[in-house]
Amino acid sequence: MMPGDSADVVMTFNAGKEYRLLICSQDMIGKVQFKVLDKKKKVIYESDPKEANPAWDFKMTNTQQFTIQIYVPARVNAKHKTEGCVALLVGFKD
């Protein structure tokens, strides 16, 4: 991804499980952020823009589908367009 890019990932989370969402990225593209939206596009969670490799822990009471919006903030006065890798890690425990 490059600064200014975004991507949406739709995932189903099952009732009764505890989850962790974690975003990892290369330092060269800056602090990647994410939002979690429900089916009605209501923001359920938004990462802290100051946090590197933001994560969110949550427990599902009902099975639901969420959209995870991943975005790389645009850089002001950037001399070069820098590309880098971004990973969305999803873990759970019963």
Foldseek 3Di string as FASTA:
>chain_A
DWAVDKDKDKDKDAAPKKKKKWKAKDPVLAAKWKFKAFPVRDTPDTFDRVDHGDMDIDHHHHIGMIMIMIHGHHDPPDPDTDDIDMDIDMDIDD
